[in-house]
Amino acid sequence: MGIQVEYYLIVSTIMLFAGIYGFLTRRNLLAMLISVELILNSADINFAVFNRYLFPDKLEGFFFTLFSIGISAAETAVAIAIIINIYRNIQNIQVKDIDKMKH
């Protein structure tokens, strides 16, 4: 039996729109980074689900998912390093205050 594909896609869609909403409404760099991670994780769910239901004997979707998770981890490490550097310079990680770094 198992869970139907529609339920996975509903969860993935909710994660995608929550990530888009969070990215567009938040002004904190860390919250924006978390929102981007939500968007990437929703794509990972889609890779795995479509692989499982369209090609159950193949593993390409799972390999794409693992590759995407690795890229997300590297992107997160670089983004957090940049955020830490911004915080050290201006003692704030709000998007509106980043222009203070010009001085």
PDB file of N, CA and C in Angstrom:
ATOM      1  N   MET A   1       0.847  -1.187   0.000  1.00  0.00           N
ATOM      2  CA  MET A   1       0.000   0.000   0.000  1.00  0.00           C
ATOM      3  C   MET A   1       0.883   1.236   0.000  1.00  0.00           C
ATOM      4  N   GLY A   2       1.240   1.763   1.148  1.00  0.00           N
ATOM      5  CA  GLY A   2       2.138   2.904   1.219  1.00  0.00           C
ATOM      6  C   GLY A   2       1.433   4.238   1.086  1.00  0.00           C
ATOM      7  N   ILE A   3       2.213   5.245   1.201  1.00  0.00           N
ATOM      8  CA  ILE A   3       1.699   6.611   1.093  1.00  0.00           C
ATOM      9  C   ILE A   3       1.642   6.993  -0.381  1.00  0.00           C
ATOM     10  N   GLN A   4       0.571   7.637  -0.783  1.00  0.00           N
ATOM     11  CA  GLN A   4       0.414   8.025  -2.179  1.00  0.00           C
ATOM     12  C   GLN A   4       1.339   9.188  -2.519  1.00  0.00           C
ATOM     13  N   VAL A   5       1.685   9.269  -3.807  1.00  0.00           N
ATOM     14  CA  VAL A   5       2.627  10.282  -4.277  1.00  0.00           C
ATOM     15  C   VAL A   5       2.093  11.693  -4.052  1.00  0.00           C
ATOM     16  N   GLU A   6       0.789  11.871  -4.073  1.00  0.00           N
ATOM     17  CA  GLU A   6       0.208  13.207  -3.899  1.00  0.00           C
ATOM     18  C   GLU A   6       0.550  13.800  -2.539  1.00  0.00           C
ATOM     19  N   TYR A   7       0.614  12.966  -1.522  1.00  0.00           N
ATOM     20  CA  TYR A   7       0.918  13.465  -0.180  1.00  0.00           C
ATOM     21  C   TYR A   7       2.349  13.992  -0.098  1.00  0.00           C
ATOM     22  N   TYR A   8       3.274  13.287  -0.729  1.00  0.00           N
ATOM     23  CA  TYR A   8       4.657  13.773  -0.767  1.00  0.00           C
ATOM     24  C   TYR A   8       4.733  15.102  -1.509  1.00  0.00           C
ATOM     25  N   LEU A   9       4.011  15.191  -2.615  1.00  0.00           N
ATOM     26  CA  LEU A   9       4.042  16.425  -3.403  1.00  0.00           C
ATOM     27  C   LEU A   9       3.376  17.578  -2.664  1.00  0.00           C
ATOM     28  N   ILE A  10       2.357  17.289  -1.873  1.00  0.00           N
ATOM     29  CA  ILE A  10       1.721  18.341  -1.065  1.00  0.00           C
ATOM     30  C   ILE A  10       2.698  18.864  -0.019  1.00  0.00           C
ATOM     31  N   VAL A  11       3.400  17.968   0.658  1.00  0.00           N
ATOM     32  CA  VAL A  11       4.394  18.385   1.654  1.00  0.00           C
ATOM     33  C   VAL A  11       5.505  19.196   0.985  1.00  0.00           C
ATOM     34  N   SER A  12       5.954  18.738  -0.174  1.00  0.00           N
ATOM     35  CA  SER A  12       7.004  19.452  -0.895  1.00  0.00           C
ATOM     36  C   SER A  12       6.532  20.838  -1.326  1.00  0.00           C
ATOM     37  N   THR A  13       5.298  20.938  -1.782  1.00  0.00           N
ATOM     38  CA  THR A  13       4.764  22.239  -2.197  1.00  0.00           C
ATOM     39  C   THR A  13       4.627  23.188  -1.016  1.00  0.00           C
ATOM     40  N   ILE A  14       4.172  22.678   0.118  1.00  0.00           N
ATOM     41  CA  ILE A  14       4.062  23.514   1.318  1.00  0.00           C
ATOM     42  C   ILE A  14       5.442  24.019   1.736  1.00  0.00           C
ATOM     43  N   MET A  15       6.446  23.127   1.683  1.00  0.00           N
ATOM     44  CA  MET A  15       7.810  23.550   2.029  1.00  0.00           C
ATOM     45  C   MET A  15       8.331  24.599   1.058  1.00  0.00           C
ATOM     46  N   LEU A  16       8.037  24.427  -0.234  1.00  0.00           N
ATOM     47  CA  LEU A  16       8.489  25.389  -1.231  1.00  0.00           C
ATOM     48  C   LEU A  16       7.894  26.765  -0.972  1.00  0.00           C
ATOM     49  N   PHE A  17       6.587  26.822  -0.777  1.00  0.00           N
ATOM     50  CA  PHE A  17       5.954  28.119  -0.572  1.00  0.00           C
ATOM     51  C   PHE A  17       6.297  28.733   0.777  1.00  0.00           C
ATOM     52  N   ALA A  18       6.512  27.898   1.800  1.00  0.00           N
ATOM     53  CA  ALA A  18       6.972  28.436   3.086  1.00  0.00           C
ATOM     54  C   ALA A  18       8.364  29.046   2.940  1.00  0.00           C
ATOM     55  N   GLY A  19       9.225  28.392   2.156  1.00  0.00           N
ATOM     56  CA  GLY A  19      10.556  28.939   1.910  1.00  0.00           C
ATOM     57  C   GLY A  19      10.517  30.234   1.118  1.00  0.00           C
ATOM     58  N   ILE A  20       9.685  30.286   0.092  1.00  0.00           N
ATOM     59  CA  ILE A  20       9.559  31.515  -0.696  1.00  0.00           C
ATOM     60  C   ILE A  20       9.001  32.640   0.157  1.00  0.00           C
ATOM     61  N   TYR A  21       7.969  32.339   0.936  1.00  0.00           N
ATOM     62  CA  TYR A  21       7.381  33.356   1.816  1.00  0.00           C
ATOM     63  C   TYR A  21       8.406  33.856   2.831  1.00  0.00           C
ATOM     64  N   GLY A  22       9.135  32.944   3.441  1.00  0.00           N
ATOM     65  CA  GLY A  22      10.145  33.328   4.422  1.00  0.00           C
ATOM     66  C   GLY A  22      11.254  34.150   3.810  1.00  0.00           C
ATOM     67  N   PHE A  23      11.670  33.798   2.603  1.00  0.00           N
ATOM     68  CA  PHE A  23      12.743  34.552   1.956  1.00  0.00           C
ATOM     69  C   PHE A  23      12.303  35.969   1.614  1.00  0.00           C
ATOM     70  N   LEU A  24      11.064  36.109   1.168  1.00  0.00           N
ATOM     71  CA  LEU A  24      10.589  37.427   0.749  1.00  0.00           C
ATOM     72  C   LEU A  24      10.184  38.331   1.913  1.00  0.00           C
ATOM     73  N   THR A  25       9.821  37.751   3.061  1.00  0.00           N
ATOM     74  CA  THR A  25       9.313  38.566   4.168  1.00  0.00           C
ATOM     75  C   THR A  25      10.327  38.806   5.273  1.00  0.00           C
ATOM     76  N   ARG A  26      11.315  37.955   5.413  1.00  0.00           N
ATOM     77  CA  ARG A  26      12.285  38.109   6.500  1.00  0.00           C
ATOM     78  C   ARG A  26      13.365  39.105   6.128  1.00  0.00           C
ATOM     79  N   ARG A  27      13.883  39.802   7.104  1.00  0.00           N
ATOM     80  CA  ARG A  27      14.954  40.763   6.894  1.00  0.00           C
ATOM     81  C   ARG A  27      16.230  40.362   7.621  1.00  0.00           C
ATOM     82  N   ASN A  28      16.225  39.194   8.212  1.00  0.00           N
ATOM     83  CA  ASN A  28      17.380  38.665   8.907  1.00  0.00           C
ATOM     84  C   ASN A  28      18.087  37.686   7.972  1.00  0.00           C
ATOM     85  N   LEU A  29      19.397  37.819   7.811  1.00  0.00           N
ATOM     86  CA  LEU A  29      20.124  36.974   6.876  1.00  0.00           C
ATOM     87  C   LEU A  29      20.037  35.490   7.238  1.00  0.00           C
ATOM     88  N   LEU A  30      20.046  35.181   8.517  1.00  0.00           N
ATOM     89  CA  LEU A  30      19.969  33.782   8.935  1.00  0.00           C
ATOM     90  C   LEU A  30      18.601  33.187   8.615  1.00  0.00           C
ATOM     91  N   ALA A  31      17.538  33.942   8.833  1.00  0.00           N
ATOM     92  CA  ALA A  31      16.195  33.467   8.490  1.00  0.00           C
ATOM     93  C   ALA A  31      16.050  33.289   6.983  1.00  0.00           C
ATOM     94  N   MET A  32      16.684  34.163   6.217  1.00  0.00           N
ATOM     95  CA  MET A  32      16.644  34.023   4.762  1.00  0.00           C
ATOM     96  C   MET A  32      17.399  32.771   4.314  1.00  0.00           C
ATOM     97  N   LEU A  33      18.503  32.464   4.982  1.00  0.00           N
ATOM     98  CA  LEU A  33      19.259  31.255   4.669  1.00  0.00           C
ATOM     99  C   LEU A  33      18.439  30.006   4.972  1.00  0.00           C
ATOM    100  N   ILE A  34      17.741  30.002   6.080  1.00  0.00           N
ATOM    101  CA  ILE A  34      16.878  28.870   6.428  1.00  0.00           C
ATOM    102  C   ILE A  34      15.774  28.710   5.389  1.00  0.00           C
ATOM    103  N   SER A  35      15.251  29.814   4.890  1.00  0.00           N
ATOM    104  CA  SER A  35      14.212  29.757   3.868  1.00  0.00           C
ATOM    105  C   SER A  35      14.742  29.164   2.567  1.00  0.00           C
ATOM    106  N   VAL A  36      15.959  29.510   2.198  1.00  0.00           N
ATOM    107  CA  VAL A  36      16.567  28.926   0.998  1.00  0.00           C
ATOM    108  C   VAL A  36      16.765  27.428   1.189  1.00  0.00           C
ATOM    109  N   GLU A  37      17.136  27.015   2.386  1.00  0.00           N
ATOM    110  CA  GLU A  37      17.288  25.585   2.670  1.00  0.00           C
ATOM    111  C   GLU A  37      15.953  24.853   2.552  1.00  0.00           C
ATOM    112  N   LEU A  38      14.871  25.479   2.983  1.00  0.00           N
ATOM    113  CA  LEU A  38      13.550  24.868   2.806  1.00  0.00           C
ATOM    114  C   LEU A  38      13.233  24.650   1.328  1.00  0.00           C
ATOM    115  N   ILE A  39      13.553  25.632   0.505  1.00  0.00           N
ATOM    116  CA  ILE A  39      13.305  25.515  -0.930  1.00  0.00           C
ATOM    117  C   ILE A  39      14.133  24.366  -1.520  1.00  0.00           C
ATOM    118  N   LEU A  40      15.393  24.286  -1.149  1.00  0.00           N
ATOM    119  CA  LEU A  40      16.249  23.218  -1.672  1.00  0.00           C
ATOM    120  C   LEU A  40      15.790  21.840  -1.189  1.00  0.00           C
ATOM    121  N   ASN A  41      15.338  21.758   0.054  1.00  0.00           N
ATOM    122  CA  ASN A  41      14.857  20.476   0.572  1.00  0.00           C
ATOM    123  C   ASN A  41      13.564  20.037  -0.105  1.00  0.00           C
ATOM    124  N   SER A  42      12.729  20.987  -0.496  1.00  0.00           N
ATOM    125  CA  SER A  42      11.515  20.603  -1.228  1.00  0.00           C
ATOM    126  C   SER A  42      11.883  20.024  -2.592  1.00  0.00           C
ATOM    127  N   ALA A  43      12.913  20.563  -3.223  1.00  0.00           N
ATOM    128  CA  ALA A  43      13.379  19.987  -4.492  1.00  0.00           C
ATOM    129  C   ALA A  43      13.955  18.591  -4.273  1.00  0.00           C
ATOM    130  N   ASP A  44      14.662  18.383  -3.163  1.00  0.00           N
ATOM    131  CA  ASP A  44      15.196  17.055  -2.855  1.00  0.00           C
ATOM    132  C   ASP A  44      14.085  16.030  -2.680  1.00  0.00           C
ATOM    133  N   ILE A  45      13.020  16.415  -2.023  1.00  0.00           N
ATOM    134  CA  ILE A  45      11.878  15.512  -1.861  1.00  0.00           C
ATOM    135  C   ILE A  45      11.315  15.141  -3.229  1.00  0.00           C
ATOM    136  N   ASN A  46      11.205  16.123  -4.112  1.00  0.00           N
ATOM    137  CA  ASN A  46      10.690  15.837  -5.453  1.00  0.00           C
ATOM    138  C   ASN A  46      11.589  14.871  -6.214  1.00  0.00           C
ATOM    139  N   PHE A  47      12.911  15.047  -6.120  1.00  0.00           N
ATOM    140  CA  PHE A  47      13.826  14.112  -6.776  1.00  0.00           C
ATOM    141  C   PHE A  47      13.577  12.686  -6.304  1.00  0.00           C
ATOM    142  N   ALA A  48      13.516  12.506  -5.002  1.00  0.00           N
ATOM    143  CA  ALA A  48      13.351  11.163  -4.445  1.00  0.00           C
ATOM    144  C   ALA A  48      11.982  10.569  -4.778  1.00  0.00           C
ATOM    145  N   VAL A  49      10.944  11.372  -4.685  1.00  0.00           N
ATOM    146  CA  VAL A  49       9.589  10.867  -4.927  1.00  0.00           C
ATOM    147  C   VAL A  49       9.402  10.479  -6.387  1.00  0.00           C
ATOM    148  N   PHE A  50       9.814  11.348  -7.297  1.00  0.00           N
ATOM    149  CA  PHE A  50       9.630  11.022  -8.709  1.00  0.00           C
ATOM    150  C   PHE A  50      10.487   9.840  -9.125  1.00  0.00           C
ATOM    151  N   ASN A  51      11.661   9.703  -8.545  1.00  0.00           N
ATOM    152  CA  ASN A  51      12.465   8.526  -8.832  1.00  0.00           C
ATOM    153  C   ASN A  51      11.777   7.264  -8.328  1.00  0.00           C
ATOM    154  N   ARG A  52      11.243   7.322  -7.134  1.00  0.00           N
ATOM    155  CA  ARG A  52      10.610   6.134  -6.530  1.00  0.00           C
ATOM    156  C   ARG A  52       9.381   5.696  -7.297  1.00  0.00           C
ATOM    157  N   TYR A  53       8.580   6.645  -7.767  1.00  0.00           N
ATOM    158  CA  TYR A  53       7.324   6.284  -8.407  1.00  0.00           C
ATOM    159  C   TYR A  53       7.434   6.118  -9.914  1.00  0.00           C
ATOM    160  N   LEU A  54       8.366   6.779 -10.574  1.00  0.00           N
ATOM    161  CA  LEU A  54       8.493   6.634 -12.023  1.00  0.00           C
ATOM    162  C   LEU A  54       9.490   5.543 -12.416  1.00  0.00           C
ATOM    163  N   PHE A  55      10.586   5.445 -11.658  1.00  0.00           N
ATOM    164  CA  PHE A  55      11.629   4.463 -11.967  1.00  0.00           C
ATOM    165  C   PHE A  55      12.021   3.738 -10.681  1.00  0.00           C
ATOM    166  N   PRO A  56      11.186   2.829 -10.196  1.00  0.00           N
ATOM    167  CA  PRO A  56      11.460   2.211  -8.881  1.00  0.00           C
ATOM    168  C   PRO A  56      12.725   1.353  -8.834  1.00  0.00           C
ATOM    169  N   ASP A  57      13.217   0.882  -9.976  1.00  0.00           N
ATOM    170  CA  ASP A  57      14.414   0.046  -9.966  1.00  0.00           C
ATOM    171  C   ASP A  57      15.696   0.818 -10.253  1.00  0.00           C
ATOM    172  N   LYS A  58      15.602   2.108 -10.440  1.00  0.00           N
ATOM    173  CA  LYS A  58      16.772   2.951 -10.715  1.00  0.00           C
ATOM    174  C   LYS A  58      17.070   3.837  -9.504  1.00  0.00           C
ATOM    175  N   LEU A  59      18.278   4.406  -9.458  1.00  0.00           N
ATOM    176  CA  LEU A  59      18.688   5.215  -8.310  1.00  0.00           C
ATOM    177  C   LEU A  59      19.109   6.632  -8.683  1.00  0.00           C
ATOM    178  N   GLU A  60      18.855   7.072  -9.926  1.00  0.00           N
ATOM    179  CA  GLU A  60      19.322   8.378 -10.345  1.00  0.00           C
ATOM    180  C   GLU A  60      18.750   9.509  -9.494  1.00  0.00           C
ATOM    181  N   GLY A  61      17.467   9.443  -9.161  1.00  0.00           N
ATOM    182  CA  GLY A  61      16.843  10.483  -8.337  1.00  0.00           C
ATOM    183  C   GLY A  61      17.462  10.573  -6.955  1.00  0.00           C
ATOM    184  N   PHE A  62      17.807   9.424  -6.401  1.00  0.00           N
ATOM    185  CA  PHE A  62      18.433   9.427  -5.085  1.00  0.00           C
ATOM    186  C   PHE A  62      19.857   9.992  -5.156  1.00  0.00           C
ATOM    187  N   PHE A  63      20.559   9.713  -6.255  1.00  0.00           N
ATOM    188  CA  PHE A  63      21.894  10.294  -6.419  1.00  0.00           C
ATOM    189  C   PHE A  63      21.813  11.808  -6.593  1.00  0.00           C
ATOM    190  N   PHE A  64      20.814  12.278  -7.349  1.00  0.00           N
ATOM    191  CA  PHE A  64      20.611  13.719  -7.470  1.00  0.00           C
ATOM    192  C   PHE A  64      20.316  14.334  -6.111  1.00  0.00           C
ATOM    193  N   THR A  65      19.521  13.628  -5.309  1.00  0.00           N
ATOM    194  CA  THR A  65      19.191  14.118  -3.976  1.00  0.00           C
ATOM    195  C   THR A  65      20.448  14.210  -3.106  1.00  0.00           C
ATOM    196  N   LEU A  66      21.275  13.183  -3.119  1.00  0.00           N
ATOM    197  CA  LEU A  66      22.509  13.214  -2.332  1.00  0.00           C
ATOM    198  C   LEU A  66      23.450  14.318  -2.812  1.00  0.00           C
ATOM    199  N   PHE A  67      23.549  14.491  -4.125  1.00  0.00           N
ATOM    200  CA  PHE A  67      24.376  15.567  -4.675  1.00  0.00           C
ATOM    201  C   PHE A  67      23.836  16.924  -4.241  1.00  0.00           C
ATOM    202  N   SER A  68      22.530  17.095  -4.296  1.00  0.00           N
ATOM    203  CA  SER A  68      21.899  18.358  -3.900  1.00  0.00           C
ATOM    204  C   SER A  68      22.101  18.638  -2.409  1.00  0.00           C
ATOM    205  N   ILE A  69      22.034  17.605  -1.582  1.00  0.00           N
ATOM    206  CA  ILE A  69      22.265  17.781  -0.152  1.00  0.00           C
ATOM    207  C   ILE A  69      23.713  18.221   0.095  1.00  0.00           C
ATOM    208  N   GLY A  70      24.657  17.635  -0.638  1.00  0.00           N
ATOM    209  CA  GLY A  70      26.055  18.042  -0.511  1.00  0.00           C
ATOM    210  C   GLY A  70      26.271  19.483  -0.929  1.00  0.00           C
ATOM    211  N   ILE A  71      25.652  19.888  -2.034  1.00  0.00           N
ATOM    212  CA  ILE A  71      25.753  21.275  -2.485  1.00  0.00           C
ATOM    213  C   ILE A  71      25.115  22.211  -1.463  1.00  0.00           C
ATOM    214  N   SER A  72      23.974  21.805  -0.887  1.00  0.00           N
ATOM    215  CA  SER A  72      23.307  22.627   0.128  1.00  0.00           C
ATOM    216  C   SER A  72      24.177  22.800   1.358  1.00  0.00           C
ATOM    217  N   ALA A  73      24.867  21.737   1.759  1.00  0.00           N
ATOM    218  CA  ALA A  73      25.744  21.832   2.929  1.00  0.00           C
ATOM    219  C   ALA A  73      26.904  22.793   2.664  1.00  0.00           C
ATOM    220  N   ALA A  74      27.482  22.717   1.475  1.00  0.00           N
ATOM    221  CA  ALA A  74      28.575  23.626   1.136  1.00  0.00           C
ATOM    222  C   ALA A  74      28.079  25.064   1.057  1.00  0.00           C
ATOM    223  N   GLU A  75      26.916  25.253   0.460  1.00  0.00           N
ATOM    224  CA  GLU A  75      26.332  26.597   0.352  1.00  0.00           C
ATOM    225  C   GLU A  75      26.039  27.165   1.739  1.00  0.00           C
ATOM    226  N   THR A  76      25.544  26.342   2.635  1.00  0.00           N
ATOM    227  CA  THR A  76      25.243  26.785   3.991  1.00  0.00           C
ATOM    228  C   THR A  76      26.525  27.176   4.732  1.00  0.00           C
ATOM    229  N   ALA A  77      27.571  26.391   4.576  1.00  0.00           N
ATOM    230  CA  ALA A  77      28.834  26.706   5.249  1.00  0.00           C
ATOM    231  C   ALA A  77      29.395  28.041   4.763  1.00  0.00           C
ATOM    232  N   VAL A  78      29.353  28.275   3.460  1.00  0.00           N
ATOM    233  CA  VAL A  78      29.853  29.545   2.920  1.00  0.00           C
ATOM    234  C   VAL A  78      28.969  30.704   3.375  1.00  0.00           C
ATOM    235  N   ALA A  79      27.657  30.514   3.343  1.00  0.00           N
ATOM    236  CA  ALA A  79      26.739  31.583   3.743  1.00  0.00           C
ATOM    237  C   ALA A  79      26.902  31.934   5.218  1.00  0.00           C
ATOM    238  N   ILE A  80      27.055  30.937   6.066  1.00  0.00           N
ATOM    239  CA  ILE A  80      27.239  31.218   7.494  1.00  0.00           C
ATOM    240  C   ILE A  80      28.569  31.927   7.735  1.00  0.00           C
ATOM    241  N   ALA A  81      29.610  31.564   6.983  1.00  0.00           N
ATOM    242  CA  ALA A  81      30.890  32.274   7.110  1.00  0.00           C
ATOM    243  C   ALA A  81      30.733  33.738   6.707  1.00  0.00           C
ATOM    244  N   ILE A  82      29.985  33.993   5.657  1.00  0.00           N
ATOM    245  CA  ILE A  82      29.750  35.380   5.233  1.00  0.00           C
ATOM    246  C   ILE A  82      28.935  36.123   6.286  1.00  0.00           C
ATOM    247  N   ILE A  83      27.911  35.483   6.828  1.00  0.00           N
ATOM    248  CA  ILE A  83      27.076  36.116   7.852  1.00  0.00           C
ATOM    249  C   ILE A  83      27.900  36.435   9.097  1.00  0.00           C
ATOM    250  N   ILE A  84      28.782  35.519   9.502  1.00  0.00           N
ATOM    251  CA  ILE A  84      29.644  35.775  10.660  1.00  0.00           C
ATOM    252  C   ILE A  84      30.560  36.963  10.392  1.00  0.00           C
ATOM    253  N   ASN A  85      31.106  37.045   9.182  1.00  0.00           N
ATOM    254  CA  ASN A  85      31.963  38.173   8.821  1.00  0.00           C
ATOM    255  C   ASN A  85      31.196  39.491   8.842  1.00  0.00           C
ATOM    256  N   ILE A  86      29.972  39.477   8.339  1.00  0.00           N
ATOM    257  CA  ILE A  86      29.128  40.679   8.393  1.00  0.00           C
ATOM    258  C   ILE A  86      28.850  41.067   9.837  1.00  0.00           C
ATOM    259  N   TYR A  87      28.541  40.086  10.682  1.00  0.00           N
ATOM    260  CA  TYR A  87      28.266  40.382  12.086  1.00  0.00           C
ATOM    261  C   TYR A  87      29.488  40.977  12.786  1.00  0.00           C
ATOM    262  N   ARG A  88      30.670  40.470  12.475  1.00  0.00           N
ATOM    263  CA  ARG A  88      31.888  41.004  13.089  1.00  0.00           C
ATOM    264  C   ARG A  88      32.136  42.453  12.694  1.00  0.00           C
ATOM    265  N   ASN A  89      31.738  42.817  11.476  1.00  0.00           N
ATOM    266  CA  ASN A  89      31.990  44.179  10.999  1.00  0.00           C
ATOM    267  C   ASN A  89      30.955  45.187  11.467  1.00  0.00           C
ATOM    268  N   ILE A  90      29.669  44.803  11.478  1.00  0.00           N
ATOM    269  CA  ILE A  90      28.633  45.801  11.802  1.00  0.00           C
ATOM    270  C   ILE A  90      27.763  45.413  12.989  1.00  0.00           C
ATOM    271  N   GLN A  91      28.052  44.297  13.667  1.00  0.00           N
ATOM    272  CA  GLN A  91      27.316  43.828  14.848  1.00  0.00           C
ATOM    273  C   GLN A  91      25.814  43.681  14.592  1.00  0.00           C
ATOM    274  N   ASN A  92      25.443  43.324  13.369  1.00  0.00           N
ATOM    275  CA  ASN A  92      24.038  43.159  13.017  1.00  0.00           C
ATOM    276  C   ASN A  92      23.969  42.310  11.754  1.00  0.00           C
ATOM    277  N   ILE A  93      22.910  41.495  11.634  1.00  0.00           N
ATOM    278  CA  ILE A  93      22.750  40.697  10.416  1.00  0.00           C
ATOM    279  C   ILE A  93      21.423  40.999   9.726  1.00  0.00           C
ATOM    280  N   GLN A  94      20.937  42.201   9.923  1.00  0.00           N
ATOM    281  CA  GLN A  94      19.733  42.630   9.217  1.00  0.00           C
ATOM    282  C   GLN A  94      20.110  43.086   7.813  1.00  0.00           C
ATOM    283  N   VAL A  95      19.255  42.781   6.851  1.00  0.00           N
ATOM    284  CA  VAL A  95      19.553  43.107   5.457  1.00  0.00           C
ATOM    285  C   VAL A  95      19.676  44.611   5.248  1.00  0.00           C
ATOM    286  N   LYS A  96      18.864  45.387   5.942  1.00  0.00           N
ATOM    287  CA  LYS A  96      18.868  46.840   5.740  1.00  0.00           C
ATOM    288  C   LYS A  96      20.171  47.491   6.201  1.00  0.00           C
ATOM    289  N   ASP A  97      20.932  46.824   7.054  1.00  0.00           N
ATOM    290  CA  ASP A  97      22.152  47.408   7.604  1.00  0.00           C
ATOM    291  C   ASP A  97      23.409  47.005   6.847  1.00  0.00           C
ATOM    292  N   ILE A  98      23.289  46.190   5.813  1.00  0.00           N
ATOM    293  CA  ILE A  98      24.473  45.714   5.096  1.00  0.00           C
ATOM    294  C   ILE A  98      25.148  46.849   4.333  1.00  0.00           C
ATOM    295  N   ASP A  99      24.414  47.862   3.931  1.00  0.00           N
ATOM    296  CA  ASP A  99      25.042  48.968   3.210  1.00  0.00           C
ATOM    297  C   ASP A  99      26.029  49.745   4.083  1.00  0.00           C
ATOM    298  N   LYS A 100      26.013  49.538   5.398  1.00  0.00           N
ATOM    299  CA  LYS A 100      26.985  50.183   6.293  1.00  0.00           C
ATOM    300  C   LYS A 100      28.399  49.647   6.070  1.00  0.00           C
ATOM    301  N   MET A 101      28.520  48.505   5.410  1.00  0.00           N
ATOM    302  CA  MET A 101      29.839  47.929   5.169  1.00  0.00           C
ATOM    303  C   MET A 101      30.618  48.711   4.120  1.00  0.00           C
ATOM    304  N   LYS A 102      29.970  49.608   3.400  1.00  0.00           N
ATOM    305  CA  LYS A 102      30.660  50.413   2.393  1.00  0.00           C
ATOM    306  C   LYS A 102      31.654  51.372   3.022  1.00  0.00           C
ATOM    307  N   HIS A 103      31.426  51.780   4.250  1.00  0.00           N
ATOM    308  CA  HIS A 103      32.243  52.801   4.903  1.00  0.00           C
ATOM    309  C   HIS A 103      33.549  52.246   5.383  1.00  0.00           C
TER     310      HIS A 103
END
